[in-house]
Amino acid sequence: MQSLAIEFKSAGHRWGFPRNIVDVPFFVDSQATRLIQYADLVSYALWRKFEQGDSEFFEAISSSFDSDGGAVHGLHHLKGRSEACDCPACANRLL
């Protein structure tokens, strides 16, 4: 994972080069730090929303994603063009 992160930082992506990568991937038991536990909870909420169709936990965090001028940043998921979605990221792209 660390070599992939280094390659991503140096080679960039289709929108250019990342400017604000804080660190390389870090693997730790989620009981060791609360920040990892928060990341686990956010991941679980996103998984429940997009894979299981249950938005209960997602609704609690949906307003916390970075946004600017009504555009939500950092929240993306893969779906077919014909699939309807009411998440902030998709609703934002319909404008």
PDB file of N, CA and C in Angstrom:
ATOM      1  N   MET A   1       0.822  -1.187   0.000  1.00  0.00           N
ATOM      2  CA  MET A   1       0.000   0.000   0.000  1.00  0.00           C
ATOM      3  C   MET A   1       0.870   1.256   0.000  1.00  0.00           C
ATOM      4  N   GLN A   2       1.975   1.210   0.716  1.00  0.00           N
ATOM      5  CA  GLN A   2       2.825   2.395   0.765  1.00  0.00           C
ATOM      6  C   GLN A   2       3.405   2.711  -0.610  1.00  0.00           C
ATOM      7  N   SER A   3       3.807   1.688  -1.348  1.00  0.00           N
ATOM      8  CA  SER A   3       4.364   1.943  -2.681  1.00  0.00           C
ATOM      9  C   SER A   3       3.285   2.480  -3.623  1.00  0.00           C
ATOM     10  N   LEU A   4       2.054   2.015  -3.489  1.00  0.00           N
ATOM     11  CA  LEU A   4       0.959   2.558  -4.297  1.00  0.00           C
ATOM     12  C   LEU A   4       0.705   4.026  -3.970  1.00  0.00           C
ATOM     13  N   ALA A   5       0.769   4.375  -2.688  1.00  0.00           N
ATOM     14  CA  ALA A   5       0.569   5.763  -2.280  1.00  0.00           C
ATOM     15  C   ALA A   5       1.676   6.654  -2.830  1.00  0.00           C
ATOM     16  N   ILE A   6       2.905   6.182  -2.811  1.00  0.00           N
ATOM     17  CA  ILE A   6       4.028   6.955  -3.345  1.00  0.00           C
ATOM     18  C   ILE A   6       3.862   7.143  -4.853  1.00  0.00           C
ATOM     19  N   GLU A   7       3.455   6.087  -5.539  1.00  0.00           N
ATOM     20  CA  GLU A   7       3.234   6.177  -6.984  1.00  0.00           C
ATOM     21  C   GLU A   7       2.094   7.151  -7.297  1.00  0.00           C
ATOM     22  N   PHE A   8       1.019   7.090  -6.551  1.00  0.00           N
ATOM     23  CA  PHE A   8      -0.118   7.983  -6.745  1.00  0.00           C
ATOM     24  C   PHE A   8       0.303   9.435  -6.567  1.00  0.00           C
ATOM     25  N   LYS A   9       1.109   9.678  -5.556  1.00  0.00           N
ATOM     26  CA  LYS A   9       1.556  11.049  -5.279  1.00  0.00           C
ATOM     27  C   LYS A   9       2.471  11.565  -6.386  1.00  0.00           C
ATOM     28  N   SER A  10       3.338  10.714  -6.933  1.00  0.00           N
ATOM     29  CA  SER A  10       4.286  11.158  -7.951  1.00  0.00           C
ATOM     30  C   SER A  10       3.698  11.128  -9.366  1.00  0.00           C
ATOM     31  N   ALA A  11       2.824  10.164  -9.670  1.00  0.00           N
ATOM     32  CA  ALA A  11       2.274  10.033 -11.022  1.00  0.00           C
ATOM     33  C   ALA A  11       0.978  10.815 -11.207  1.00  0.00           C
ATOM     34  N   GLY A  12       0.276  11.097 -10.129  1.00  0.00           N
ATOM     35  CA  GLY A  12      -0.967  11.847 -10.227  1.00  0.00           C
ATOM     36  C   GLY A  12      -2.150  10.985 -10.628  1.00  0.00           C
ATOM     37  N   HIS A  13      -3.209  11.658 -11.042  1.00  0.00           N
ATOM     38  CA  HIS A  13      -4.449  11.004 -11.442  1.00  0.00           C
ATOM     39  C   HIS A  13      -5.051  11.792 -12.596  1.00  0.00           C
ATOM     40  N   ARG A  14      -6.233  11.437 -13.060  1.00  0.00           N
ATOM     41  CA  ARG A  14      -6.774  12.066 -14.267  1.00  0.00           C
ATOM     42  C   ARG A  14      -7.066  13.553 -14.108  1.00  0.00           C
ATOM     43  N   TRP A  15      -7.142  14.067 -12.896  1.00  0.00           N
ATOM     44  CA  TRP A  15      -7.395  15.487 -12.673  1.00  0.00           C
ATOM     45  C   TRP A  15      -6.104  16.252 -12.341  1.00  0.00           C
ATOM     46  N   GLY A  16      -4.997  15.587 -12.326  1.00  0.00           N
ATOM     47  CA  GLY A  16      -3.738  16.256 -12.022  1.00  0.00           C
ATOM     48  C   GLY A  16      -2.977  15.543 -10.923  1.00  0.00           C
ATOM     49  N   PHE A  17      -2.298  16.314 -10.113  1.00  0.00           N
ATOM     50  CA  PHE A  17      -1.492  15.755  -9.034  1.00  0.00           C
ATOM     51  C   PHE A  17      -2.100  16.100  -7.681  1.00  0.00           C
ATOM     52  N   PRO A  18      -2.084  15.151  -6.750  1.00  0.00           N
ATOM     53  CA  PRO A  18      -2.593  15.454  -5.409  1.00  0.00           C
ATOM     54  C   PRO A  18      -1.678  16.464  -4.720  1.00  0.00           C
ATOM     55  N   ARG A  19      -2.274  17.447  -4.054  1.00  0.00           N
ATOM     56  CA  ARG A  19      -1.484  18.470  -3.391  1.00  0.00           C
ATOM     57  C   ARG A  19      -1.420  18.282  -1.893  1.00  0.00           C
ATOM     58  N   ASN A  20      -2.362  17.568  -1.323  1.00  0.00           N
ATOM     59  CA  ASN A  20      -2.474  17.541   0.134  1.00  0.00           C
ATOM     60  C   ASN A  20      -2.560  16.132   0.706  1.00  0.00           C
ATOM     61  N   ILE A  21      -1.659  15.261   0.318  1.00  0.00           N
ATOM     62  CA  ILE A  21      -1.634  13.938   0.931  1.00  0.00           C
ATOM     63  C   ILE A  21      -0.862  14.063   2.238  1.00  0.00           C
ATOM     64  N   VAL A  22      -1.516  13.728   3.321  1.00  0.00           N
ATOM     65  CA  VAL A  22      -0.934  13.921   4.638  1.00  0.00           C
ATOM     66  C   VAL A  22       0.096  12.847   4.950  1.00  0.00           C
ATOM     67  N   ASP A  23      -0.199  11.619   4.609  1.00  0.00           N
ATOM     68  CA  ASP A  23       0.680  10.531   5.014  1.00  0.00           C
ATOM     69  C   ASP A  23       0.457   9.336   4.104  1.00  0.00           C
ATOM     70  N   VAL A  24       1.246   8.314   4.302  1.00  0.00           N
ATOM     71  CA  VAL A  24       1.068   7.055   3.589  1.00  0.00           C
ATOM     72  C   VAL A  24       0.020   6.231   4.332  1.00  0.00           C
ATOM     73  N   PRO A  25      -0.570   5.226   3.679  1.00  0.00           N
ATOM     74  CA  PRO A  25      -1.547   4.387   4.385  1.00  0.00           C
ATOM     75  C   PRO A  25      -0.964   3.811   5.666  1.00  0.00           C
ATOM     76  N   PHE A  26      -1.776   3.737   6.669  1.00  0.00           N
ATOM     77  CA  PHE A  26      -1.347   3.309   7.997  1.00  0.00           C
ATOM     78  C   PHE A  26      -2.290   2.221   8.483  1.00  0.00           C
ATOM     79  N   PHE A  27      -1.755   1.073   8.810  1.00  0.00           N
ATOM     80  CA  PHE A  27      -2.569  -0.031   9.279  1.00  0.00           C
ATOM     81  C   PHE A  27      -2.379  -0.192  10.780  1.00  0.00           C
ATOM     82  N   VAL A  28      -3.486  -0.165  11.512  1.00  0.00           N
ATOM     83  CA  VAL A  28      -3.434  -0.283  12.962  1.00  0.00           C
ATOM     84  C   VAL A  28      -4.763  -0.878  13.431  1.00  0.00           C
ATOM     85  N   ASP A  29      -4.725  -1.555  14.512  1.00  0.00           N
ATOM     86  CA  ASP A  29      -5.949  -2.074  15.120  1.00  0.00           C
ATOM     87  C   ASP A  29      -6.821  -0.889  15.516  1.00  0.00           C
ATOM     88  N   SER A  30      -8.090  -0.912  15.147  1.00  0.00           N
ATOM     89  CA  SER A  30      -8.961   0.235  15.411  1.00  0.00           C
ATOM     90  C   SER A  30      -9.175   0.489  16.901  1.00  0.00           C
ATOM     91  N   GLN A  31      -8.813  -0.450  17.744  1.00  0.00           N
ATOM     92  CA  GLN A  31      -8.924  -0.215  19.181  1.00  0.00           C
ATOM     93  C   GLN A  31      -7.771   0.641  19.703  1.00  0.00           C
ATOM     94  N   ALA A  32      -6.745   0.853  18.860  1.00  0.00           N
ATOM     95  CA  ALA A  32      -5.562   1.569  19.311  1.00  0.00           C
ATOM     96  C   ALA A  32      -5.736   3.093  19.298  1.00  0.00           C
ATOM     97  N   THR A  33      -6.626   3.597  18.472  1.00  0.00           N
ATOM     98  CA  THR A  33      -6.799   5.045  18.386  1.00  0.00           C
ATOM     99  C   THR A  33      -8.234   5.396  17.988  1.00  0.00           C
ATOM    100  N   ARG A  34      -8.740   6.455  18.547  1.00  0.00           N
ATOM    101  CA  ARG A  34     -10.113   6.873  18.249  1.00  0.00           C
ATOM    102  C   ARG A  34     -10.278   7.354  16.819  1.00  0.00           C
ATOM    103  N   LEU A  35      -9.229   7.944  16.227  1.00  0.00           N
ATOM    104  CA  LEU A  35      -9.352   8.414  14.844  1.00  0.00           C
ATOM    105  C   LEU A  35      -9.614   7.266  13.886  1.00  0.00           C
ATOM    106  N   ILE A  36      -8.979   6.148  14.114  1.00  0.00           N
ATOM    107  CA  ILE A  36      -9.228   4.972  13.281  1.00  0.00           C
ATOM    108  C   ILE A  36     -10.652   4.475  13.514  1.00  0.00           C
ATOM    109  N   GLN A  37     -11.120   4.543  14.747  1.00  0.00           N
ATOM    110  CA  GLN A  37     -12.491   4.139  15.030  1.00  0.00           C
ATOM    111  C   GLN A  37     -13.481   5.042  14.293  1.00  0.00           C
ATOM    112  N   TYR A  38     -13.196   6.353  14.243  1.00  0.00           N
ATOM    113  CA  TYR A  38     -14.065   7.268  13.493  1.00  0.00           C
ATOM    114  C   TYR A  38     -14.074   6.906  12.014  1.00  0.00           C
ATOM    115  N   ALA A  39     -12.909   6.610  11.471  1.00  0.00           N
ATOM    116  CA  ALA A  39     -12.820   6.232  10.067  1.00  0.00           C
ATOM    117  C   ALA A  39     -13.612   4.944   9.817  1.00  0.00           C
ATOM    118  N   ASP A  40     -13.551   4.010  10.735  1.00  0.00           N
ATOM    119  CA  ASP A  40     -14.323   2.774  10.613  1.00  0.00           C
ATOM    120  C   ASP A  40     -15.817   3.078  10.598  1.00  0.00           C
ATOM    121  N   LEU A  41     -16.255   3.990  11.447  1.00  0.00           N
ATOM    122  CA  LEU A  41     -17.679   4.342  11.518  1.00  0.00           C
ATOM    123  C   LEU A  41     -18.151   5.039  10.241  1.00  0.00           C
ATOM    124  N   VAL A  42     -17.334   5.933   9.711  1.00  0.00           N
ATOM    125  CA  VAL A  42     -17.685   6.607   8.461  1.00  0.00           C
ATOM    126  C   VAL A  42     -17.744   5.594   7.324  1.00  0.00           C
ATOM    127  N   SER A  43     -16.760   4.712   7.259  1.00  0.00           N
ATOM    128  CA  SER A  43     -16.754   3.677   6.221  1.00  0.00           C
ATOM    129  C   SER A  43     -17.981   2.792   6.317  1.00  0.00           C
ATOM    130  N   TYR A  44     -18.347   2.435   7.533  1.00  0.00           N
ATOM    131  CA  TYR A  44     -19.528   1.585   7.723  1.00  0.00           C
ATOM    132  C   TYR A  44     -20.795   2.316   7.284  1.00  0.00           C
ATOM    133  N   ALA A  45     -20.913   3.602   7.614  1.00  0.00           N
ATOM    134  CA  ALA A  45     -22.094   4.378   7.217  1.00  0.00           C
ATOM    135  C   ALA A  45     -22.199   4.459   5.694  1.00  0.00           C
ATOM    136  N   LEU A  46     -21.065   4.670   5.022  1.00  0.00           N
ATOM    137  CA  LEU A  46     -21.067   4.737   3.555  1.00  0.00           C
ATOM    138  C   LEU A  46     -21.395   3.386   2.941  1.00  0.00           C
ATOM    139  N   TRP A  47     -20.833   2.334   3.500  1.00  0.00           N
ATOM    140  CA  TRP A  47     -21.119   0.989   2.991  1.00  0.00           C
ATOM    141  C   TRP A  47     -22.607   0.668   3.132  1.00  0.00           C
ATOM    142  N   ARG A  48     -23.179   0.973   4.292  1.00  0.00           N
ATOM    143  CA  ARG A  48     -24.618   0.708   4.508  1.00  0.00           C
ATOM    144  C   ARG A  48     -25.468   1.484   3.507  1.00  0.00           C
ATOM    145  N   LYS A  49     -25.116   2.726   3.231  1.00  0.00           N
ATOM    146  CA  LYS A  49     -25.883   3.562   2.309  1.00  0.00           C
ATOM    147  C   LYS A  49     -25.797   3.034   0.889  1.00  0.00           C
ATOM    148  N   PHE A  50     -24.579   2.838   0.398  1.00  0.00           N
ATOM    149  CA  PHE A  50     -24.405   2.536  -1.017  1.00  0.00           C
ATOM    150  C   PHE A  50     -24.459   1.062  -1.374  1.00  0.00           C
ATOM    151  N   GLU A  51     -24.181   0.188  -0.452  1.00  0.00           N
ATOM    152  CA  GLU A  51     -24.215  -1.237  -0.752  1.00  0.00           C
ATOM    153  C   GLU A  51     -25.467  -1.924  -0.225  1.00  0.00           C
ATOM    154  N   GLN A  52     -26.028  -1.406   0.850  1.00  0.00           N
ATOM    155  CA  GLN A  52     -27.168  -2.063   1.469  1.00  0.00           C
ATOM    156  C   GLN A  52     -28.463  -1.247   1.372  1.00  0.00           C
ATOM    157  N   GLY A  53     -28.361  -0.003   0.894  1.00  0.00           N
ATOM    158  CA  GLY A  53     -29.555   0.831   0.744  1.00  0.00           C
ATOM    159  C   GLY A  53     -30.129   1.335   2.058  1.00  0.00           C
ATOM    160  N   ASP A  54     -29.342   1.314   3.119  1.00  0.00           N
ATOM    161  CA  ASP A  54     -29.790   1.773   4.436  1.00  0.00           C
ATOM    162  C   ASP A  54     -29.098   3.098   4.745  1.00  0.00           C
ATOM    163  N   SER A  55     -29.850   4.190   4.770  1.00  0.00           N
ATOM    164  CA  SER A  55     -29.239   5.513   4.944  1.00  0.00           C
ATOM    165  C   SER A  55     -29.274   6.025   6.382  1.00  0.00           C
ATOM    166  N   GLU A  56     -29.653   5.192   7.327  1.00  0.00           N
ATOM    167  CA  GLU A  56     -29.771   5.642   8.726  1.00  0.00           C
ATOM    168  C   GLU A  56     -28.484   6.291   9.242  1.00  0.00           C
ATOM    169  N   PHE A  57     -27.358   5.626   9.089  1.00  0.00           N
ATOM    170  CA  PHE A  57     -26.096   6.151   9.611  1.00  0.00           C
ATOM    171  C   PHE A  57     -25.536   7.248   8.703  1.00  0.00           C
ATOM    172  N   PHE A  58     -25.751   7.106   7.384  1.00  0.00           N
ATOM    173  CA  PHE A  58     -25.270   8.107   6.439  1.00  0.00           C
ATOM    174  C   PHE A  58     -25.905   9.467   6.710  1.00  0.00           C
ATOM    175  N   GLU A  59     -27.179   9.485   7.025  1.00  0.00           N
ATOM    176  CA  GLU A  59     -27.865  10.752   7.292  1.00  0.00           C
ATOM    177  C   GLU A  59     -27.215  11.506   8.450  1.00  0.00           C
ATOM    178  N   ALA A  60     -26.671  10.792   9.396  1.00  0.00           N
ATOM    179  CA  ALA A  60     -26.031  11.429  10.551  1.00  0.00           C
ATOM    180  C   ALA A  60     -24.730  12.139  10.178  1.00  0.00           C
ATOM    181  N   ILE A  61     -24.072  11.721   9.086  1.00  0.00           N
ATOM    182  CA  ILE A  61     -22.782  12.307   8.711  1.00  0.00           C
ATOM    183  C   ILE A  61     -22.813  13.064   7.387  1.00  0.00           C
ATOM    184  N   SER A  62     -23.889  12.976   6.639  1.00  0.00           N
ATOM    185  CA  SER A  62     -23.908  13.518   5.272  1.00  0.00           C
ATOM    186  C   SER A  62     -23.593  15.005   5.202  1.00  0.00           C
ATOM    187  N   SER A  63     -23.960  15.772   6.192  1.00  0.00           N
ATOM    188  CA  SER A  63     -23.698  17.219   6.154  1.00  0.00           C
ATOM    189  C   SER A  63     -22.257  17.557   6.559  1.00  0.00           C
ATOM    190  N   SER A  64     -21.465  16.562   6.923  1.00  0.00           N
ATOM    191  CA  SER A  64     -20.095  16.803   7.388  1.00  0.00           C
ATOM    192  C   SER A  64     -19.049  16.759   6.278  1.00  0.00           C
ATOM    193  N   PHE A  65     -19.435  16.361   5.076  1.00  0.00           N
ATOM    194  CA  PHE A  65     -18.467  16.311   3.980  1.00  0.00           C
ATOM    195  C   PHE A  65     -18.127  17.719   3.525  1.00  0.00           C
ATOM    196  N   ASP A  66     -16.899  17.904   3.086  1.00  0.00           N
ATOM    197  CA  ASP A  66     -16.428  19.205   2.629  1.00  0.00           C
ATOM    198  C   ASP A  66     -17.283  19.675   1.457  1.00  0.00           C
ATOM    199  N   SER A  67     -17.662  20.941   1.479  1.00  0.00           N
ATOM    200  CA  SER A  67     -18.419  21.500   0.368  1.00  0.00           C
ATOM    201  C   SER A  67     -18.004  22.946   0.142  1.00  0.00           C
ATOM    202  N   ASP A  68     -18.219  23.388  -1.083  1.00  0.00           N
ATOM    203  CA  ASP A  68     -17.882  24.757  -1.450  1.00  0.00           C
ATOM    204  C   ASP A  68     -18.865  25.205  -2.519  1.00  0.00           C
ATOM    205  N   GLY A  69     -19.602  26.253  -2.233  1.00  0.00           N
ATOM    206  CA  GLY A  69     -20.568  26.765  -3.197  1.00  0.00           C
ATOM    207  C   GLY A  69     -21.633  25.760  -3.570  1.00  0.00           C
ATOM    208  N   GLY A  70     -22.008  24.909  -2.628  1.00  0.00           N
ATOM    209  CA  GLY A  70     -23.026  23.897  -2.893  1.00  0.00           C
ATOM    210  C   GLY A  70     -22.495  22.610  -3.496  1.00  0.00           C
ATOM    211  N   ALA A  71     -21.224  22.579  -3.848  1.00  0.00           N
ATOM    212  CA  ALA A  71     -20.618  21.378  -4.413  1.00  0.00           C
ATOM    213  C   ALA A  71     -19.974  20.563  -3.297  1.00  0.00           C
ATOM    214  N   VAL A  72     -20.343  19.303  -3.209  1.00  0.00           N
ATOM    215  CA  VAL A  72     -19.779  18.411  -2.195  1.00  0.00           C
ATOM    216  C   VAL A  72     -18.513  17.776  -2.747  1.00  0.00           C
ATOM    217  N   HIS A  73     -17.426  17.849  -1.980  1.00  0.00           N
ATOM    218  CA  HIS A  73     -16.146  17.282  -2.400  1.00  0.00           C
ATOM    219  C   HIS A  73     -15.794  16.097  -1.504  1.00  0.00           C
ATOM    220  N   GLY A  74     -15.129  15.110  -2.070  1.00  0.00           N
ATOM    221  CA  GLY A  74     -14.650  13.985  -1.285  1.00  0.00           C
ATOM    222  C   GLY A  74     -15.676  12.886  -1.068  1.00  0.00           C
ATOM    223  N   LEU A  75     -16.826  12.983  -1.697  1.00  0.00           N
ATOM    224  CA  LEU A  75     -17.839  11.931  -1.586  1.00  0.00           C
ATOM    225  C   LEU A  75     -18.194  11.496  -2.994  1.00  0.00           C
ATOM    226  N   HIS A  76     -17.735  10.305  -3.378  1.00  0.00           N
ATOM    227  CA  HIS A  76     -17.982   9.770  -4.711  1.00  0.00           C
ATOM    228  C   HIS A  76     -18.307   8.298  -4.577  1.00  0.00           C
ATOM    229  N   HIS A  77     -19.106   7.812  -5.485  1.00  0.00           N
ATOM    230  CA  HIS A  77     -19.341   6.371  -5.543  1.00  0.00           C
ATOM    231  C   HIS A  77     -19.645   5.985  -6.978  1.00  0.00           C
ATOM    232  N   LEU A  78     -19.460   4.715  -7.288  1.00  0.00           N
ATOM    233  CA  LEU A  78     -19.713   4.222  -8.631  1.00  0.00           C
ATOM    234  C   LEU A  78     -21.143   3.732  -8.719  1.00  0.00           C
ATOM    235  N   LYS A  79     -21.815   4.153  -9.771  1.00  0.00           N
ATOM    236  CA  LYS A  79     -23.166   3.681 -10.037  1.00  0.00           C
ATOM    237  C   LYS A  79     -23.405   3.784 -11.521  1.00  0.00           C
ATOM    238  N   GLY A  80     -24.362   3.049 -12.011  1.00  0.00           N
ATOM    239  CA  GLY A  80     -24.698   3.132 -13.421  1.00  0.00           C
ATOM    240  C   GLY A  80     -25.388   4.447 -13.739  1.00  0.00           C
ATOM    241  N   ARG A  81     -25.278   4.905 -14.974  1.00  0.00           N
ATOM    242  CA  ARG A  81     -25.891   6.177 -15.373  1.00  0.00           C
ATOM    243  C   ARG A  81     -27.400   6.176 -15.171  1.00  0.00           C
ATOM    244  N   SER A  82     -28.016   5.025 -15.325  1.00  0.00           N
ATOM    245  CA  SER A  82     -29.473   4.955 -15.197  1.00  0.00           C
ATOM    246  C   SER A  82     -29.938   4.768 -13.754  1.00  0.00           C
ATOM    247  N   GLU A  83     -29.004   4.555 -12.839  1.00  0.00           N
ATOM    248  CA  GLU A  83     -29.366   4.372 -11.440  1.00  0.00           C
ATOM    249  C   GLU A  83     -29.652   5.717 -10.779  1.00  0.00           C
ATOM    250  N   ALA A  84     -30.773   5.807 -10.109  1.00  0.00           N
ATOM    251  CA  ALA A  84     -31.117   7.029  -9.381  1.00  0.00           C
ATOM    252  C   ALA A  84     -30.415   7.022  -8.025  1.00  0.00           C
ATOM    253  N   CYS A  85     -29.980   8.192  -7.601  1.00  0.00           N
ATOM    254  CA  CYS A  85     -29.334   8.309  -6.309  1.00  0.00           C
ATOM    255  C   CYS A  85     -29.621   9.686  -5.746  1.00  0.00           C
ATOM    256  N   ASP A  86     -29.934   9.740  -4.453  1.00  0.00           N
ATOM    257  CA  ASP A  86     -30.264  11.011  -3.818  1.00  0.00           C
ATOM    258  C   ASP A  86     -29.187  11.489  -2.854  1.00  0.00           C
ATOM    259  N   CYS A  87     -27.980  10.899  -2.942  1.00  0.00           N
ATOM    260  CA  CYS A  87     -26.922  11.313  -2.019  1.00  0.00           C
ATOM    261  C   CYS A  87     -26.446  12.711  -2.400  1.00  0.00           C
ATOM    262  N   PRO A  88     -25.820  13.431  -1.480  1.00  0.00           N
ATOM    263  CA  PRO A  88     -25.351  14.788  -1.756  1.00  0.00           C
ATOM    264  C   PRO A  88     -24.390  14.872  -2.954  1.00  0.00           C
ATOM    265  N   ALA A  89     -23.564  13.872  -3.139  1.00  0.00           N
ATOM    266  CA  ALA A  89     -22.608  13.909  -4.258  1.00  0.00           C
ATOM    267  C   ALA A  89     -23.328  13.829  -5.603  1.00  0.00           C
ATOM    268  N   CYS A  90     -24.285  12.958  -5.733  1.00  0.00           N
ATOM    269  CA  CYS A  90     -25.006  12.806  -7.003  1.00  0.00           C
ATOM    270  C   CYS A  90     -25.967  13.973  -7.240  1.00  0.00           C
ATOM    271  N   ALA A  91     -26.664  14.384  -6.233  1.00  0.00           N
ATOM    272  CA  ALA A  91     -27.594  15.503  -6.368  1.00  0.00           C
ATOM    273  C   ALA A  91     -26.826  16.746  -6.817  1.00  0.00           C
ATOM    274  N   ASN A  92     -25.651  16.900  -6.313  1.00  0.00           N
ATOM    275  CA  ASN A  92     -24.782  18.000  -6.629  1.00  0.00           C
ATOM    276  C   ASN A  92     -24.362  17.992  -8.095  1.00  0.00           C
ATOM    277  N   ARG A  93     -24.139  16.811  -8.661  1.00  0.00           N
ATOM    278  CA  ARG A  93     -23.685  16.698 -10.040  1.00  0.00           C
ATOM    279  C   ARG A  93     -24.811  16.887 -11.046  1.00  0.00           C
ATOM    280  N   LEU A  94     -26.049  16.863 -10.580  1.00  0.00           N
ATOM    281  CA  LEU A  94     -27.183  17.049 -11.469  1.00  0.00           C
ATOM    282  C   LEU A  94     -27.462  18.526 -11.716  1.00  0.00           C
ATOM    283  N   LEU A  95     -26.864  19.401 -10.898  1.00  0.00           N
ATOM    284  CA  LEU A  95     -27.111  20.832 -11.026  1.00  0.00           C
ATOM    285  C   LEU A  95     -26.469  21.403 -12.269  1.00  0.00           C
TER     286      LEU A  95
END
